[in-house]
Amino acid sequence: MTRIPQGARFVTMAKPTRSTQLRTPTGTTTGRDLRSLLHVPQHDLQAQLAIRLERLGFPALRPALVQLLSVVGSGGAVADAGVRLSDLVSQVSLPKQTVGDLLDELEAMRMVERFPDPDHGVIKRVRLGPKGKVWAAEVKRVSAATEAKWATRIGSKKMKSLRALLEELAATVEDRGTSRANGTRQHKR
């Protein structure tokens, strides 16, 4: 047994472990992985949206319903033209039956409405319904307010840079996803 001299002080220095220190592809070391870094602001935004939408009387929506509403409402100026059901299915990467069931729920809440495609009598299109338009406008309002709040915390220049980088990343990921969906590489369903 080793004797430790009386009055000796021990300083323990924890060596970083793989679970607490991650090395990124660029060689920098960080304490959090990318998923957790993206989760924090996303969670803050979702909480702000949930509070505001609940105050306005909107029901809490499951993520799949929110995803559908977001795609249907992303038409901008041509939002009233709607989205073809087949395009909606490919954009949300869910089975057609599931999308149909989710649209039934949203339609019952007056969040979306289906209508015949004017160019093709059999095909259906989907657009935001009366409540869906209010929901989409409020989501944009809260998102802009949250982004402004973050800009005051980190500075508007950093926020603009962050937004530009996220826009670029989203476009890159979407482009890759589109090329895979168009036959380069597609998952079987």
C-alpha atoms as a PDB file:
ATOM      1  CA  MET A   1       0.000   0.000   0.000  1.00  0.00           C
ATOM      2  CA  THR A   2       1.311   3.440  -0.930  1.00  0.00           C
ATOM      3  CA  ARG A   3       1.541   5.991   1.851  1.00  0.00           C
ATOM      4  CA  ILE A   4       0.387   9.501   1.034  1.00  0.00           C
ATOM      5  CA  PRO A   5       2.235  12.228   2.921  1.00  0.00           C
ATOM      6  CA  GLN A   6       0.057  14.209   5.289  1.00  0.00           C
ATOM      7  CA  GLY A   7      -0.919  17.604   3.886  1.00  0.00           C
ATOM      8  CA  ALA A   8      -0.424  16.556   0.278  1.00  0.00           C
ATOM      9  CA  ARG A   9      -2.875  18.080  -2.150  1.00  0.00           C
ATOM     10  CA  PHE A  10      -4.290  16.258  -5.103  1.00  0.00           C
ATOM     11  CA  VAL A  11      -5.467  17.917  -8.200  1.00  0.00           C
ATOM     12  CA  THR A  12      -7.427  15.696 -10.464  1.00  0.00           C
ATOM     13  CA  MET A  13      -7.566  16.740 -14.049  1.00  0.00           C
ATOM     14  CA  ALA A  14     -10.217  15.009 -16.015  1.00  0.00           C
ATOM     15  CA  LYS A  15      -9.041  14.017 -19.411  1.00  0.00           C
ATOM     16  CA  PRO A  16     -11.648  14.818 -22.045  1.00  0.00           C
ATOM     17  CA  THR A  17     -13.428  11.713 -23.188  1.00  0.00           C
ATOM     18  CA  ARG A  18     -14.885  10.961 -26.588  1.00  0.00           C
ATOM     19  CA  SER A  19     -18.396  11.431 -25.221  1.00  0.00           C
ATOM     20  CA  THR A  20     -17.750  15.026 -24.083  1.00  0.00           C
ATOM     21  CA  GLN A  21     -15.288  16.192 -26.723  1.00  0.00           C
ATOM     22  CA  LEU A  22     -16.004  15.760 -30.400  1.00  0.00           C
ATOM     23  CA  ARG A  23     -13.693  16.528 -33.283  1.00  0.00           C
ATOM     24  CA  THR A  24     -15.466  18.006 -36.281  1.00  0.00           C
ATOM     25  CA  PRO A  25     -14.430  17.339 -39.894  1.00  0.00           C
ATOM     26  CA  THR A  26     -12.698  20.753 -39.878  1.00  0.00           C
ATOM     27  CA  GLY A  27     -10.511  19.617 -36.960  1.00  0.00           C
ATOM     28  CA  THR A  28     -12.012  21.807 -34.248  1.00  0.00           C
ATOM     29  CA  THR A  29     -13.033  20.339 -30.922  1.00  0.00           C
ATOM     30  CA  THR A  30     -16.462  21.021 -29.504  1.00  0.00           C
ATOM     31  CA  GLY A  31     -18.514  19.915 -26.532  1.00  0.00           C
ATOM     32  CA  ARG A  32     -21.744  19.354 -28.469  1.00  0.00           C
ATOM     33  CA  ASP A  33     -22.559  17.541 -31.626  1.00  0.00           C
ATOM     34  CA  LEU A  34     -24.276  19.334 -34.491  1.00  0.00           C
ATOM     35  CA  ARG A  35     -27.641  17.739 -33.753  1.00  0.00           C
ATOM     36  CA  SER A  36     -27.724  19.157 -30.235  1.00  0.00           C
ATOM     37  CA  LEU A  37     -26.514  22.569 -31.407  1.00  0.00           C
ATOM     38  CA  LEU A  38     -29.335  22.786 -33.945  1.00  0.00           C
ATOM     39  CA  HIS A  39     -31.865  21.436 -31.447  1.00  0.00           C
ATOM     40  CA  VAL A  40     -31.515  24.295 -28.940  1.00  0.00           C
ATOM     41  CA  PRO A  41     -32.665  27.152 -31.198  1.00  0.00           C
ATOM     42  CA  GLN A  42     -35.244  24.900 -32.874  1.00  0.00           C
ATOM     43  CA  HIS A  43     -36.692  24.026 -29.481  1.00  0.00           C
ATOM     44  CA  ASP A  44     -36.835  27.720 -28.520  1.00  0.00           C
ATOM     45  CA  LEU A  45     -38.660  28.593 -31.732  1.00  0.00           C
ATOM     46  CA  GLN A  46     -41.090  25.683 -31.337  1.00  0.00           C
ATOM     47  CA  ALA A  47     -41.843  26.731 -27.747  1.00  0.00           C
ATOM     48  CA  GLN A  48     -42.550  30.330 -28.845  1.00  0.00           C
ATOM     49  CA  LEU A  49     -44.822  29.051 -31.619  1.00  0.00           C
ATOM     50  CA  ALA A  50     -46.677  26.659 -29.317  1.00  0.00           C
ATOM     51  CA  ILE A  51     -47.362  29.400 -26.759  1.00  0.00           C
ATOM     52  CA  ARG A  52     -48.636  31.867 -29.358  1.00  0.00           C
ATOM     53  CA  LEU A  53     -50.730  29.377 -31.315  1.00  0.00           C
ATOM     54  CA  GLU A  54     -52.291  28.012 -28.120  1.00  0.00           C
ATOM     55  CA  ARG A  55     -53.249  31.566 -27.075  1.00  0.00           C
ATOM     56  CA  LEU A  56     -54.998  31.965 -30.428  1.00  0.00           C
ATOM     57  CA  GLY A  57     -56.970  28.757 -29.882  1.00  0.00           C
ATOM     58  CA  PHE A  58     -55.164  26.487 -32.320  1.00  0.00           C
ATOM     59  CA  PRO A  59     -54.914  22.847 -31.269  1.00  0.00           C
ATOM     60  CA  ALA A  60     -51.511  21.326 -30.621  1.00  0.00           C
ATOM     61  CA  LEU A  61     -50.554  19.683 -33.903  1.00  0.00           C
ATOM     62  CA  ARG A  62     -48.423  16.600 -34.365  1.00  0.00           C
ATOM     63  CA  PRO A  63     -45.139  17.153 -36.233  1.00  0.00           C
ATOM     64  CA  ALA A  64     -46.421  15.418 -39.377  1.00  0.00           C
ATOM     65  CA  LEU A  65     -49.407  17.795 -39.532  1.00  0.00           C
ATOM     66  CA  VAL A  66     -47.126  20.804 -39.067  1.00  0.00           C
ATOM     67  CA  GLN A  67     -44.855  19.490 -41.828  1.00  0.00           C
ATOM     68  CA  LEU A  68     -47.803  19.159 -44.223  1.00  0.00           C
ATOM     69  CA  LEU A  69     -49.109  22.629 -43.384  1.00  0.00           C
ATOM     70  CA  SER A  70     -45.656  24.082 -43.910  1.00  0.00           C
ATOM     71  CA  VAL A  71     -45.329  22.518 -47.354  1.00  0.00           C
ATOM     72  CA  VAL A  72     -48.860  23.492 -48.396  1.00  0.00           C
ATOM     73  CA  GLY A  73     -48.343  27.043 -47.126  1.00  0.00           C
ATOM     74  CA  SER A  74     -44.918  27.545 -48.704  1.00  0.00           C
ATOM     75  CA  GLY A  75     -46.403  28.496 -52.074  1.00  0.00           C
ATOM     76  CA  GLY A  76     -46.011  32.230 -51.407  1.00  0.00           C
ATOM     77  CA  ALA A  77     -47.881  34.376 -53.917  1.00  0.00           C
ATOM     78  CA  VAL A  78     -49.236  31.302 -55.701  1.00  0.00           C
ATOM     79  CA  ALA A  79     -50.488  29.702 -52.488  1.00  0.00           C
ATOM     80  CA  ASP A  80     -54.094  29.760 -53.723  1.00  0.00           C
ATOM     81  CA  ALA A  81     -53.034  27.624 -56.686  1.00  0.00           C
ATOM     82  CA  GLY A  82     -52.303  24.908 -54.148  1.00  0.00           C
ATOM     83  CA  VAL A  83     -50.037  21.894 -54.307  1.00  0.00           C
ATOM     84  CA  ARG A  84     -50.779  18.727 -56.234  1.00  0.00           C
ATOM     85  CA  LEU A  85     -51.335  15.792 -53.934  1.00  0.00           C
ATOM     86  CA  SER A  86     -48.616  13.785 -55.707  1.00  0.00           C
ATOM     87  CA  ASP A  87     -46.106  16.650 -55.250  1.00  0.00           C
ATOM     88  CA  LEU A  88     -47.059  16.916 -51.590  1.00  0.00           C
ATOM     89  CA  VAL A  89     -46.441  13.195 -51.095  1.00  0.00           C
ATOM     90  CA  SER A  90     -42.956  13.440 -52.600  1.00  0.00           C
ATOM     91  CA  GLN A  91     -42.042  16.583 -50.629  1.00  0.00           C
ATOM     92  CA  VAL A  92     -42.931  15.162 -47.216  1.00  0.00           C
ATOM     93  CA  SER A  93     -41.591  11.664 -47.964  1.00  0.00           C
ATOM     94  CA  LEU A  94     -44.585   9.904 -46.481  1.00  0.00           C
ATOM     95  CA  PRO A  95     -46.786   7.226 -48.051  1.00  0.00           C
ATOM     96  CA  LYS A  96     -49.748   8.509 -50.072  1.00  0.00           C
ATOM     97  CA  GLN A  97     -52.250   6.863 -47.717  1.00  0.00           C
ATOM     98  CA  THR A  98     -50.659   8.532 -44.685  1.00  0.00           C
ATOM     99  CA  VAL A  99     -50.692  11.932 -46.384  1.00  0.00           C
ATOM    100  CA  GLY A 100     -54.342  11.398 -47.294  1.00  0.00           C
ATOM    101  CA  ASP A 101     -55.224  10.537 -43.690  1.00  0.00           C
ATOM    102  CA  LEU A 102     -53.335  13.560 -42.368  1.00  0.00           C
ATOM    103  CA  LEU A 103     -55.053  15.821 -44.909  1.00  0.00           C
ATOM    104  CA  ASP A 104     -58.426  14.440 -43.748  1.00  0.00           C
ATOM    105  CA  GLU A 105     -57.580  15.594 -40.218  1.00  0.00           C
ATOM    106  CA  LEU A 106     -56.417  19.022 -41.390  1.00  0.00           C
ATOM    107  CA  GLU A 107     -59.444  19.417 -43.621  1.00  0.00           C
ATOM    108  CA  ALA A 108     -61.788  18.610 -40.729  1.00  0.00           C
ATOM    109  CA  MET A 109     -60.098  21.446 -38.768  1.00  0.00           C
ATOM    110  CA  ARG A 110     -60.493  23.800 -41.795  1.00  0.00           C
ATOM    111  CA  MET A 111     -56.703  24.161 -41.964  1.00  0.00           C
ATOM    112  CA  VAL A 112     -56.537  22.943 -45.594  1.00  0.00           C
ATOM    113  CA  GLU A 113     -58.951  22.420 -48.436  1.00  0.00           C
ATOM    114  CA  ARG A 114     -58.800  20.093 -51.413  1.00  0.00           C
ATOM    115  CA  PHE A 115     -60.042  21.150 -54.829  1.00  0.00           C
ATOM    116  CA  PRO A 116     -59.898  19.796 -58.389  1.00  0.00           C
ATOM    117  CA  ASP A 117     -56.837  20.689 -60.434  1.00  0.00           C
ATOM    118  CA  PRO A 118     -58.056  23.137 -63.112  1.00  0.00           C
ATOM    119  CA  ASP A 119     -55.650  21.608 -65.666  1.00  0.00           C
ATOM    120  CA  HIS A 120     -56.615  18.001 -64.942  1.00  0.00           C
ATOM    121  CA  GLY A 121     -60.050  17.011 -63.705  1.00  0.00           C
ATOM    122  CA  VAL A 122     -59.030  13.873 -61.799  1.00  0.00           C
ATOM    123  CA  ILE A 123     -56.027  15.267 -59.914  1.00  0.00           C
ATOM    124  CA  LYS A 124     -56.608  17.042 -56.599  1.00  0.00           C
ATOM    125  CA  ARG A 125     -54.770  20.050 -55.259  1.00  0.00           C
ATOM    126  CA  VAL A 126     -54.440  21.173 -51.653  1.00  0.00           C
ATOM    127  CA  ARG A 127     -54.245  24.745 -50.354  1.00  0.00           C
ATOM    128  CA  LEU A 128     -54.486  26.392 -46.969  1.00  0.00           C
ATOM    129  CA  GLY A 129     -58.017  26.790 -45.683  1.00  0.00           C
ATOM    130  CA  PRO A 130     -59.262  29.795 -43.691  1.00  0.00           C
ATOM    131  CA  LYS A 131     -57.751  28.660 -40.389  1.00  0.00           C
ATOM    132  CA  GLY A 132     -54.609  27.430 -42.144  1.00  0.00           C
ATOM    133  CA  LYS A 133     -53.984  30.911 -43.568  1.00  0.00           C
ATOM    134  CA  VAL A 134     -54.235  32.440 -40.092  1.00  0.00           C
ATOM    135  CA  TRP A 135     -51.940  29.701 -38.730  1.00  0.00           C
ATOM    136  CA  ALA A 136     -49.335  30.272 -41.477  1.00  0.00           C
ATOM    137  CA  ALA A 137     -49.383  34.059 -40.977  1.00  0.00           C
ATOM    138  CA  GLU A 138     -48.896  33.633 -37.239  1.00  0.00           C
ATOM    139  CA  VAL A 139     -46.044  31.152 -37.732  1.00  0.00           C
ATOM    140  CA  LYS A 140     -44.283  33.703 -39.963  1.00  0.00           C
ATOM    141  CA  ARG A 141     -44.892  36.469 -37.420  1.00  0.00           C
ATOM    142  CA  VAL A 142     -43.558  34.461 -34.477  1.00  0.00           C
ATOM    143  CA  SER A 143     -40.599  33.188 -36.510  1.00  0.00           C
ATOM    144  CA  ALA A 144     -39.634  36.744 -37.473  1.00  0.00           C
ATOM    145  CA  ALA A 145     -40.004  37.937 -33.873  1.00  0.00           C
ATOM    146  CA  THR A 146     -37.889  35.057 -32.581  1.00  0.00           C
ATOM    147  CA  GLU A 147     -35.227  35.717 -35.198  1.00  0.00           C
ATOM    148  CA  ALA A 148     -35.180  39.406 -34.169  1.00  0.00           C
ATOM    149  CA  LYS A 149     -34.835  38.391 -30.510  1.00  0.00           C
ATOM    150  CA  TRP A 150     -31.888  36.167 -31.357  1.00  0.00           C
ATOM    151  CA  ALA A 151     -30.335  39.000 -33.388  1.00  0.00           C
ATOM    152  CA  THR A 152     -30.410  41.245 -30.313  1.00  0.00           C
ATOM    153  CA  ARG A 153     -28.658  38.517 -28.333  1.00  0.00           C
ATOM    154  CA  ILE A 154     -25.876  37.639 -30.779  1.00  0.00           C
ATOM    155  CA  GLY A 155     -25.819  40.759 -32.946  1.00  0.00           C
ATOM    156  CA  SER A 156     -27.501  41.427 -36.256  1.00  0.00           C
ATOM    157  CA  LYS A 157     -24.324  40.807 -38.277  1.00  0.00           C
ATOM    158  CA  LYS A 158     -23.870  37.334 -36.777  1.00  0.00           C
ATOM    159  CA  MET A 159     -27.579  36.602 -37.237  1.00  0.00           C
ATOM    160  CA  LYS A 160     -27.395  37.555 -40.924  1.00  0.00           C
ATOM    161  CA  SER A 161     -24.340  35.303 -41.317  1.00  0.00           C
ATOM    162  CA  LEU A 162     -26.091  32.448 -39.519  1.00  0.00           C
ATOM    163  CA  ARG A 163     -29.166  32.830 -41.701  1.00  0.00           C
ATOM    164  CA  ALA A 164     -27.052  32.909 -44.887  1.00  0.00           C
ATOM    165  CA  LEU A 165     -25.179  29.759 -43.844  1.00  0.00           C
ATOM    166  CA  LEU A 166     -28.394  27.936 -42.928  1.00  0.00           C
ATOM    167  CA  GLU A 167     -29.994  28.985 -46.245  1.00  0.00           C
ATOM    168  CA  GLU A 168     -26.954  27.636 -48.095  1.00  0.00           C
ATOM    169  CA  LEU A 169     -26.952  24.398 -46.122  1.00  0.00           C
ATOM    170  CA  ALA A 170     -30.698  23.908 -46.642  1.00  0.00           C
ATOM    171  CA  ALA A 171     -30.358  24.493 -50.390  1.00  0.00           C
ATOM    172  CA  THR A 172     -27.454  22.060 -50.597  1.00  0.00           C
ATOM    173  CA  VAL A 173     -29.305  19.362 -48.664  1.00  0.00           C
ATOM    174  CA  GLU A 174     -32.506  19.927 -50.663  1.00  0.00           C
ATOM    175  CA  ASP A 175     -30.591  19.720 -53.949  1.00  0.00           C
ATOM    176  CA  ARG A 176     -29.040  16.437 -52.890  1.00  0.00           C
ATOM    177  CA  GLY A 177     -32.434  15.119 -51.824  1.00  0.00           C
ATOM    178  CA  THR A 178     -33.984  16.157 -55.138  1.00  0.00           C
ATOM    179  CA  SER A 179     -31.327  14.409 -57.189  1.00  0.00           C
ATOM    180  CA  ARG A 180     -31.807  11.248 -55.183  1.00  0.00           C
ATOM    181  CA  ALA A 181     -35.573  11.413 -55.590  1.00  0.00           C
ATOM    182  CA  ASN A 182     -35.147  11.823 -59.346  1.00  0.00           C
ATOM    183  CA  GLY A 183     -33.514   8.463 -59.727  1.00  0.00           C
ATOM    184  CA  THR A 184     -29.892   8.859 -58.687  1.00  0.00           C
ATOM    185  CA  ARG A 185     -30.519   7.004 -55.469  1.00  0.00           C
ATOM    186  CA  GLN A 186     -33.896   6.359 -53.943  1.00  0.00           C
ATOM    187  CA  HIS A 187     -35.019   4.362 -50.923  1.00  0.00           C
ATOM    188  CA  LYS A 188     -37.572   1.639 -51.507  1.00  0.00           C
ATOM    189  CA  ARG A 189     -40.863   2.091 -49.715  1.00  0.00           C
END
